[in-house]
Amino acid sequence: MKGIVFTEFLEMVEEKFGLEVVDYIIESSELASEGIYTAVGTYDFFEMQQLLVHLSEVSKIPINDLIYTYGLYFFKTLTSHHGDIFKYYNSPIDMVASIENHIHVQVKKYILRLNYRLSKS
């Protein structure tokens, strides 16, 4: 998973919940990266899963709601910093739909596992 997803996620957590919560979710997780992310790096999807689980625990907000909130936040980031990507698509829905053609098989497996775990929560 690209580092920009992690860096923006932690920015959102700091903005909405505070730096103490960022520290808490990083310290509570077992992260190979030790919670040190760069926008251009690549990191294990399971690190994001751990961060989301711990954020849900501390905030008392369901994981699905956190994912939705982050999706809105990240979409704003894309439009403000990478708006040129949208010139290739007729609508944001077209852009999201086109991602399916570019996702690596392993990422699909991770998403299915996360959805399965979320459904069991």
Protein backbone atom coordinates (compact mmCIF):
# COMPACT_ATOMS: atom_id res chain seq x y z
CA MET A 1 0.00 0.00 0.00
CA LYS A 2 1.41 3.38 -0.94
CA GLY A 3 2.77 5.55 1.84
CA ILE A 4 0.59 8.51 0.93
CA VAL A 5 -2.39 6.49 2.17
CA PHE A 6 -0.68 6.14 5.56
CA THR A 7 0.64 9.69 5.83
CA GLU A 8 -2.75 11.15 4.97
CA PHE A 9 -4.49 8.77 7.35
CA LEU A 10 -2.29 9.88 10.24
CA GLU A 11 -2.84 13.53 9.24
CA MET A 12 -6.59 12.94 9.40
CA VAL A 13 -6.32 11.22 12.79
CA GLU A 14 -4.25 14.10 14.18
CA GLU A 15 -6.66 16.68 12.76
CA LYS A 16 -9.82 14.97 14.05
CA PHE A 17 -8.62 13.25 17.24
CA GLY A 18 -5.32 14.86 18.23
CA LEU A 19 -1.66 13.92 18.35
CA GLU A 20 -2.14 11.81 21.48
CA VAL A 21 -4.45 9.48 19.57
CA VAL A 22 -1.92 9.20 16.72
CA ASP A 23 0.72 8.19 19.26
CA TYR A 24 -1.68 5.73 20.91
CA ILE A 25 -2.66 3.90 17.72
CA ILE A 26 0.98 3.65 16.59
CA GLU A 27 2.23 2.45 19.98
CA SER A 28 -0.64 -0.05 20.31
CA SER A 29 0.11 -1.63 16.94
CA GLU A 30 2.85 -4.04 15.95
CA LEU A 31 4.19 -2.20 12.92
CA ALA A 32 7.19 -3.36 10.92
CA SER A 33 7.63 0.27 9.88
CA GLU A 34 7.43 1.38 13.53
CA GLY A 35 4.86 3.91 12.34
CA ILE A 36 7.37 5.84 10.24
CA TYR A 37 5.89 6.48 6.81
CA THR A 38 6.86 8.48 3.76
CA ALA A 39 4.40 9.37 1.03
CA VAL A 40 6.47 7.58 -1.62
CA GLY A 41 7.15 4.41 0.39
CA THR A 42 5.24 1.15 0.22
CA TYR A 43 3.93 -0.52 3.37
CA ASP A 44 2.04 -3.62 4.40
CA PHE A 45 -1.74 -3.34 4.25
CA PHE A 46 -1.98 -5.04 7.65
CA GLU A 47 -0.35 -2.00 9.24
CA MET A 48 -3.32 0.09 8.14
CA GLN A 49 -5.67 -2.56 9.47
CA GLN A 50 -4.01 -2.39 12.91
CA LEU A 51 -4.13 1.40 12.96
CA LEU A 52 -7.83 1.33 12.08
CA VAL A 53 -8.64 -1.26 14.74
CA HIS A 54 -6.88 0.75 17.44
CA LEU A 55 -8.46 4.00 16.28
CA SER A 56 -11.86 2.35 16.47
CA GLU A 57 -11.13 1.14 19.99
CA VAL A 58 -10.03 4.54 21.29
CA SER A 59 -12.62 6.61 19.42
CA LYS A 60 -15.54 4.18 19.87
CA ILE A 61 -16.37 4.71 16.17
CA PRO A 62 -17.06 1.58 14.07
CA ILE A 63 -14.29 0.70 11.63
CA ASN A 64 -16.59 1.00 8.60
CA ASP A 65 -17.44 4.57 9.63
CA LEU A 66 -13.74 5.38 10.04
CA ILE A 67 -12.97 3.98 6.60
CA TYR A 68 -15.77 6.05 5.08
CA THR A 69 -14.56 9.20 6.86
CA TYR A 70 -11.02 8.56 5.70
CA GLY A 71 -12.22 7.99 2.13
CA LEU A 72 -13.83 11.42 2.12
CA TYR A 73 -10.71 12.98 3.63
CA PHE A 74 -8.38 11.27 1.15
CA PHE A 75 -10.58 12.19 -1.82
CA LYS A 76 -10.28 15.86 -0.79
CA THR A 77 -6.50 15.41 -0.69
CA LEU A 78 -6.51 13.92 -4.17
CA THR A 79 -8.60 16.74 -5.59
CA SER A 80 -6.53 19.49 -3.97
CA HIS A 81 -3.04 18.07 -4.57
CA HIS A 82 -3.49 15.76 -7.56
CA GLY A 83 -6.49 17.26 -9.32
CA ASP A 84 -4.97 16.54 -12.71
CA ILE A 85 -5.77 12.85 -12.28
CA PHE A 86 -9.45 13.64 -12.74
CA LYS A 87 -8.94 14.99 -16.26
CA TYR A 88 -8.67 11.37 -17.40
CA TYR A 89 -12.15 10.51 -16.13
CA ASN A 90 -15.68 11.81 -16.68
CA SER A 91 -16.57 11.60 -13.00
CA PRO A 92 -15.09 10.59 -9.63
CA ILE A 93 -17.08 7.35 -9.90
CA ASP A 94 -15.36 6.58 -13.22
CA MET A 95 -11.99 7.11 -11.57
CA VAL A 96 -12.81 4.82 -8.65
CA ALA A 97 -14.23 2.21 -11.01
CA SER A 98 -11.03 2.25 -13.09
CA ILE A 99 -8.95 1.36 -10.05
CA GLU A 100 -10.24 -2.20 -10.31
CA ASN A 101 -8.22 -2.64 -13.50
CA HIS A 102 -5.01 -1.62 -11.74
CA ILE A 103 -5.19 -3.36 -8.36
CA HIS A 104 -2.66 -6.11 -7.82
CA VAL A 105 -4.14 -9.54 -7.04
CA GLN A 106 -2.53 -9.55 -3.59
CA VAL A 107 -4.20 -6.27 -2.64
CA LYS A 108 -7.54 -7.78 -3.61
CA LYS A 109 -6.86 -10.64 -1.19
CA TYR A 110 -6.05 -8.20 1.61
CA ILE A 111 -9.28 -6.28 1.02
CA LEU A 112 -11.31 -9.48 1.06
CA ARG A 113 -9.66 -10.53 4.34
CA LEU A 114 -10.35 -7.14 5.91
CA ASN A 115 -13.97 -7.20 4.80
CA TYR A 116 -14.32 -10.73 6.21
CA ARG A 117 -12.83 -9.65 9.54
CA LEU A 118 -15.03 -6.57 9.64
CA SER A 119 -18.11 -8.67 9.00
CA LYS A 120 -17.19 -10.88 11.98
CA SER A 121 -16.75 -7.86 14.29
